[in-house]
């Protein structure tokens, strides 16, 4: 009888550990599927803010451009201008698919990219390493000590991305990545 009790307790312990590991996996999967908010690190979270939301679909090429306008990002998906409600206006959600390539660039003025939550951005996106500022992406860094106004604090707790940079005479790739 004692052996049966030990077997039962051991089986119960294995079951509990298995259940906890499944829960941990579910939590990581849920984390990866959460939306990713970003805004221009120069113009602030109320003017140039969009959200990336993962959905099923074929890979696409998404370009997000800061022009000489501090009110919105200009988004193209596979070369076509995003419509209002799908990335065409400030505050929109851009639907992304696993395998998408996304590039943030500036062609004029002063812009940067700030993600509201670093953990969520890194869970959804695989970022390309920084390169030459005129050719490849800029360095991604902690922005919580530089973006400190109340609107930024309400935007996110682990603000992360690129500091603002002036476009100068040539377009600059600020960030490039692939959707996981």
C-alpha atoms as a PDB file:
ATOM      1  CA  UNK A   1       0.000   0.000   0.000  1.00  0.00           C
ATOM      2  CA  UNK A   2       2.846   2.415   0.779  1.00  0.00           C
ATOM      3  CA  UNK A   3       4.343   1.873  -2.646  1.00  0.00           C
ATOM      4  CA  UNK A   4       1.000   2.805  -4.280  1.00  0.00           C
ATOM      5  CA  UNK A   5       0.918   6.036  -2.265  1.00  0.00           C
ATOM      6  CA  UNK A   6       4.440   6.914  -3.376  1.00  0.00           C
ATOM      7  CA  UNK A   7       3.593   6.117  -6.982  1.00  0.00           C
ATOM      8  CA  UNK A   8       0.483   8.277  -6.751  1.00  0.00           C
ATOM      9  CA  UNK A   9       2.415  11.189  -5.220  1.00  0.00           C
ATOM     10  CA  UNK A  10       5.173  10.887  -7.830  1.00  0.00           C
ATOM     11  CA  UNK A  11       2.610  10.774 -10.637  1.00  0.00           C
ATOM     12  CA  UNK A  12       0.832  13.799  -9.210  1.00  0.00           C
ATOM     13  CA  UNK A  13       4.118  15.717  -8.988  1.00  0.00           C
ATOM     14  CA  UNK A  14       4.983  14.882 -12.615  1.00  0.00           C
ATOM     15  CA  UNK A  15       1.508  15.996 -13.700  1.00  0.00           C
ATOM     16  CA  UNK A  16       1.811  19.320 -11.837  1.00  0.00           C
ATOM     17  CA  UNK A  17       5.262  20.016 -13.350  1.00  0.00           C
ATOM     18  CA  UNK A  18       3.959  19.165 -16.814  1.00  0.00           C
ATOM     19  CA  UNK A  19       0.947  21.467 -16.341  1.00  0.00           C
ATOM     20  CA  UNK A  20       3.222  24.316 -15.193  1.00  0.00           C
ATOM     21  CA  UNK A  21       5.510  23.901 -18.202  1.00  0.00           C
ATOM     22  CA  UNK A  22       2.506  24.007 -20.559  1.00  0.00           C
ATOM     23  CA  UNK A  23       1.298  27.171 -18.813  1.00  0.00           C
ATOM     24  CA  UNK A  24       4.752  28.768 -19.186  1.00  0.00           C
ATOM     25  CA  UNK A  25       4.761  27.910 -22.904  1.00  0.00           C
ATOM     26  CA  UNK A  26       1.265  29.383 -23.271  1.00  0.00           C
ATOM     27  CA  UNK A  27       2.397  32.565 -21.519  1.00  0.00           C
ATOM     28  CA  UNK A  28       5.375  32.948 -23.886  1.00  0.00           C
ATOM     29  CA  UNK A  29       3.147  32.319 -26.916  1.00  0.00           C
ATOM     30  CA  UNK A  30       0.600  34.834 -25.643  1.00  0.00           C
ATOM     31  CA  UNK A  31       3.403  37.374 -25.071  1.00  0.00           C
ATOM     32  CA  UNK A  32       4.640  36.927 -28.649  1.00  0.00           C
ATOM     33  CA  UNK A  33       1.159  37.498 -30.056  1.00  0.00           C
ATOM     34  CA  UNK A  34       0.548  40.789 -28.216  1.00  0.00           C
ATOM     35  CA  UNK A  35       0.340  43.984 -30.232  1.00  0.00           C
ATOM     36  CA  UNK A  36       3.394  46.220 -30.528  1.00  0.00           C
ATOM     37  CA  UNK A  37       2.910  49.997 -30.295  1.00  0.00           C
ATOM     38  CA  UNK A  38       5.461  52.428 -31.693  1.00  0.00           C
ATOM     39  CA  UNK A  39       5.700  56.164 -32.222  1.00  0.00           C
ATOM     40  CA  UNK A  40       8.142  58.760 -33.472  1.00  0.00           C
ATOM     41  CA  UNK A  41      10.681  59.410 -30.703  1.00  0.00           C
ATOM     42  CA  UNK A  42      10.869  63.067 -31.826  1.00  0.00           C
ATOM     43  CA  UNK A  43       7.197  63.988 -32.347  1.00  0.00           C
ATOM     44  CA  UNK A  44       5.751  62.005 -29.470  1.00  0.00           C
ATOM     45  CA  UNK A  45       3.270  59.233 -28.887  1.00  0.00           C
ATOM     46  CA  UNK A  46       0.132  61.214 -29.719  1.00  0.00           C
ATOM     47  CA  UNK A  47       1.092  62.350 -33.209  1.00  0.00           C
ATOM     48  CA  UNK A  48       2.967  59.569 -34.988  1.00  0.00           C
ATOM     49  CA  UNK A  49       1.729  56.365 -33.340  1.00  0.00           C
ATOM     50  CA  UNK A  50       0.822  53.045 -34.934  1.00  0.00           C
ATOM     51  CA  UNK A  51       0.351  49.491 -33.666  1.00  0.00           C
ATOM     52  CA  UNK A  52       1.557  46.238 -35.225  1.00  0.00           C
ATOM     53  CA  UNK A  53      -0.845  43.318 -34.807  1.00  0.00           C
ATOM     54  CA  UNK A  54      -0.013  39.759 -35.848  1.00  0.00           C
ATOM     55  CA  UNK A  55      -2.414  37.845 -38.108  1.00  0.00           C
ATOM     56  CA  UNK A  56      -2.125  34.888 -40.479  1.00  0.00           C
ATOM     57  CA  UNK A  57      -1.151  35.591 -44.061  1.00  0.00           C
ATOM     58  CA  UNK A  58       1.582  35.542 -46.673  1.00  0.00           C
ATOM     59  CA  UNK A  59       4.795  37.495 -46.000  1.00  0.00           C
ATOM     60  CA  UNK A  60       4.753  41.083 -47.158  1.00  0.00           C
ATOM     61  CA  UNK A  61       7.137  44.035 -47.400  1.00  0.00           C
ATOM     62  CA  UNK A  62       6.169  46.952 -45.156  1.00  0.00           C
ATOM     63  CA  UNK A  63       7.824  50.374 -45.367  1.00  0.00           C
ATOM     64  CA  UNK A  64       7.134  52.964 -42.678  1.00  0.00           C
ATOM     65  CA  UNK A  65       8.471  56.384 -43.614  1.00  0.00           C
ATOM     66  CA  UNK A  66       8.881  59.638 -41.705  1.00  0.00           C
ATOM     67  CA  UNK A  67       8.622  62.559 -44.075  1.00  0.00           C
ATOM     68  CA  UNK A  68       8.522  66.314 -43.569  1.00  0.00           C
ATOM     69  CA  UNK A  69       5.307  65.971 -41.564  1.00  0.00           C
ATOM     70  CA  UNK A  70       5.181  65.405 -37.817  1.00  0.00           C
ATOM     71  CA  UNK A  71       1.600  64.139 -37.802  1.00  0.00           C
ATOM     72  CA  UNK A  72       1.803  60.632 -39.269  1.00  0.00           C
ATOM     73  CA  UNK A  73       3.930  57.831 -40.613  1.00  0.00           C
ATOM     74  CA  UNK A  74       3.565  57.020 -44.316  1.00  0.00           C
ATOM     75  CA  UNK A  75       3.029  53.266 -44.655  1.00  0.00           C
ATOM     76  CA  UNK A  76       3.233  51.139 -47.784  1.00  0.00           C
ATOM     77  CA  UNK A  77       2.544  47.420 -47.886  1.00  0.00           C
ATOM     78  CA  UNK A  78       3.966  45.589 -50.908  1.00  0.00           C
ATOM     79  CA  UNK A  79       4.400  48.965 -52.608  1.00  0.00           C
ATOM     80  CA  UNK A  80       0.792  50.096 -52.071  1.00  0.00           C
ATOM     81  CA  UNK A  81      -0.145  52.995 -49.817  1.00  0.00           C
ATOM     82  CA  UNK A  82      -1.890  51.807 -46.642  1.00  0.00           C
ATOM     83  CA  UNK A  83      -5.537  52.842 -46.425  1.00  0.00           C
ATOM     84  CA  UNK A  84      -6.987  54.743 -43.456  1.00  0.00           C
ATOM     85  CA  UNK A  85      -7.705  52.261 -40.670  1.00  0.00           C
ATOM     86  CA  UNK A  86      -4.925  49.944 -41.867  1.00  0.00           C
ATOM     87  CA  UNK A  87      -1.871  52.143 -41.324  1.00  0.00           C
ATOM     88  CA  UNK A  88      -2.878  55.143 -43.417  1.00  0.00           C
ATOM     89  CA  UNK A  89      -3.700  57.413 -40.472  1.00  0.00           C
ATOM     90  CA  UNK A  90      -2.283  58.124 -37.034  1.00  0.00           C
ATOM     91  CA  UNK A  91      -3.370  55.613 -34.377  1.00  0.00           C
ATOM     92  CA  UNK A  92      -4.097  52.814 -36.881  1.00  0.00           C
ATOM     93  CA  UNK A  93      -3.231  49.145 -36.526  1.00  0.00           C
ATOM     94  CA  UNK A  94      -1.037  47.597 -39.219  1.00  0.00           C
ATOM     95  CA  UNK A  95      -1.689  43.867 -39.672  1.00  0.00           C
ATOM     96  CA  UNK A  96       1.585  41.962 -39.967  1.00  0.00           C
ATOM     97  CA  UNK A  97       2.319  38.356 -40.897  1.00  0.00           C
ATOM     98  CA  UNK A  98       5.075  35.978 -39.909  1.00  0.00           C
ATOM     99  CA  UNK A  99       7.929  36.465 -42.390  1.00  0.00           C
ATOM    100  CA  UNK A 100       7.118  40.127 -43.138  1.00  0.00           C
ATOM    101  CA  UNK A 101      10.038  42.508 -43.537  1.00  0.00           C
ATOM    102  CA  UNK A 102       9.506  45.924 -41.983  1.00  0.00           C
ATOM    103  CA  UNK A 103      11.708  48.970 -42.544  1.00  0.00           C
ATOM    104  CA  UNK A 104      11.377  52.332 -40.785  1.00  0.00           C
ATOM    105  CA  UNK A 105      13.170  55.120 -42.642  1.00  0.00           C
ATOM    106  CA  UNK A 106      13.217  58.884 -42.819  1.00  0.00           C
ATOM    107  CA  UNK A 107      13.394  60.908 -46.005  1.00  0.00           C
ATOM    108  CA  UNK A 108      13.099  64.379 -44.486  1.00  0.00           C
ATOM    109  CA  UNK A 109      12.985  66.182 -41.147  1.00  0.00           C
ATOM    110  CA  UNK A 110      13.875  64.717 -37.750  1.00  0.00           C
ATOM    111  CA  UNK A 111      12.384  61.381 -36.657  1.00  0.00           C
ATOM    112  CA  UNK A 112      13.124  58.290 -34.579  1.00  0.00           C
ATOM    113  CA  UNK A 113      11.322  55.079 -33.620  1.00  0.00           C
ATOM    114  CA  UNK A 114      10.186  54.357 -30.047  1.00  0.00           C
ATOM    115  CA  UNK A 115       8.552  51.064 -29.124  1.00  0.00           C
ATOM    116  CA  UNK A 116       6.252  51.253 -26.074  1.00  0.00           C
ATOM    117  CA  UNK A 117       7.440  47.919 -24.643  1.00  0.00           C
ATOM    118  CA  UNK A 118      10.828  46.452 -25.548  1.00  0.00           C
ATOM    119  CA  UNK A 119       9.833  42.919 -24.481  1.00  0.00           C
ATOM    120  CA  UNK A 120       6.787  42.867 -26.762  1.00  0.00           C
ATOM    121  CA  UNK A 121       8.748  44.309 -29.702  1.00  0.00           C
ATOM    122  CA  UNK A 122      11.484  41.684 -29.313  1.00  0.00           C
ATOM    123  CA  UNK A 123       8.902  38.897 -28.917  1.00  0.00           C
ATOM    124  CA  UNK A 124       7.256  39.772 -32.256  1.00  0.00           C
ATOM    125  CA  UNK A 125      10.198  41.091 -34.288  1.00  0.00           C
ATOM    126  CA  UNK A 126      13.743  39.946 -35.079  1.00  0.00           C
ATOM    127  CA  UNK A 127      15.734  43.163 -35.470  1.00  0.00           C
ATOM    128  CA  UNK A 128      18.625  43.570 -37.896  1.00  0.00           C
ATOM    129  CA  UNK A 129      21.890  44.664 -36.249  1.00  0.00           C
ATOM    130  CA  UNK A 130      22.851  48.343 -36.432  1.00  0.00           C
ATOM    131  CA  UNK A 131      24.960  49.475 -39.347  1.00  0.00           C
ATOM    132  CA  UNK A 132      26.185  52.630 -41.011  1.00  0.00           C
ATOM    133  CA  UNK A 133      23.533  55.340 -40.309  1.00  0.00           C
ATOM    134  CA  UNK A 134      23.351  56.193 -44.019  1.00  0.00           C
ATOM    135  CA  UNK A 135      22.938  52.554 -45.082  1.00  0.00           C
ATOM    136  CA  UNK A 136      21.723  50.251 -42.319  1.00  0.00           C
ATOM    137  CA  UNK A 137      19.629  50.453 -39.170  1.00  0.00           C
ATOM    138  CA  UNK A 138      20.523  52.664 -36.216  1.00  0.00           C
ATOM    139  CA  UNK A 139      21.343  51.434 -32.730  1.00  0.00           C
ATOM    140  CA  UNK A 140      18.302  50.403 -30.676  1.00  0.00           C
ATOM    141  CA  UNK A 141      18.579  51.538 -27.057  1.00  0.00           C
ATOM    142  CA  UNK A 142      16.727  52.151 -23.819  1.00  0.00           C
ATOM    143  CA  UNK A 143      14.701  55.367 -24.170  1.00  0.00           C
ATOM    144  CA  UNK A 144      13.077  55.399 -20.715  1.00  0.00           C
ATOM    145  CA  UNK A 145      15.527  58.025 -19.449  1.00  0.00           C
ATOM    146  CA  UNK A 146      15.190  60.301 -22.492  1.00  0.00           C
ATOM    147  CA  UNK A 147      11.438  60.044 -23.226  1.00  0.00           C
ATOM    148  CA  UNK A 148      10.221  61.101 -19.787  1.00  0.00           C
ATOM    149  CA  UNK A 149       7.154  63.317 -20.296  1.00  0.00           C
ATOM    150  CA  UNK A 150       3.798  62.140 -18.947  1.00  0.00           C
ATOM    151  CA  UNK A 151       2.477  61.218 -22.432  1.00  0.00           C
ATOM    152  CA  UNK A 152       5.557  59.022 -22.963  1.00  0.00           C
ATOM    153  CA  UNK A 153       5.144  57.394 -19.535  1.00  0.00           C
ATOM    154  CA  UNK A 154       1.508  56.614 -20.385  1.00  0.00           C
ATOM    155  CA  UNK A 155       2.608  55.243 -23.790  1.00  0.00           C
ATOM    156  CA  UNK A 156       4.794  52.484 -22.333  1.00  0.00           C
ATOM    157  CA  UNK A 157       6.956  51.413 -19.416  1.00  0.00           C
ATOM    158  CA  UNK A 158       9.984  49.993 -21.298  1.00  0.00           C
ATOM    159  CA  UNK A 159      10.395  52.573 -24.050  1.00  0.00           C
ATOM    160  CA  UNK A 160      13.053  51.389 -26.486  1.00  0.00           C
ATOM    161  CA  UNK A 161      14.178  52.262 -29.979  1.00  0.00           C
ATOM    162  CA  UNK A 162      16.207  54.891 -31.814  1.00  0.00           C
ATOM    163  CA  UNK A 163      16.872  58.433 -30.744  1.00  0.00           C
ATOM    164  CA  UNK A 164      15.682  61.085 -33.197  1.00  0.00           C
ATOM    165  CA  UNK A 165      17.988  61.833 -36.091  1.00  0.00           C
ATOM    166  CA  UNK A 166      17.919  64.466 -38.817  1.00  0.00           C
ATOM    167  CA  UNK A 167      17.454  63.010 -42.291  1.00  0.00           C
ATOM    168  CA  UNK A 168      19.838  65.437 -43.925  1.00  0.00           C
ATOM    169  CA  UNK A 169      20.026  65.081 -47.692  1.00  0.00           C
ATOM    170  CA  UNK A 170      19.760  61.280 -47.918  1.00  0.00           C
ATOM    171  CA  UNK A 171      17.138  58.816 -46.675  1.00  0.00           C
ATOM    172  CA  UNK A 172      18.159  56.944 -43.509  1.00  0.00           C
ATOM    173  CA  UNK A 173      17.106  53.464 -42.444  1.00  0.00           C
ATOM    174  CA  UNK A 174      16.314  53.772 -38.753  1.00  0.00           C
ATOM    175  CA  UNK A 175      15.128  50.228 -38.005  1.00  0.00           C
ATOM    176  CA  UNK A 176      14.708  47.065 -40.046  1.00  0.00           C
ATOM    177  CA  UNK A 177      13.393  43.700 -38.923  1.00  0.00           C
ATOM    178  CA  UNK A 178      11.502  40.559 -39.763  1.00  0.00           C
ATOM    179  CA  UNK A 179       8.269  39.418 -38.122  1.00  0.00           C
ATOM    180  CA  UNK A 180       8.844  36.121 -36.308  1.00  0.00           C
END
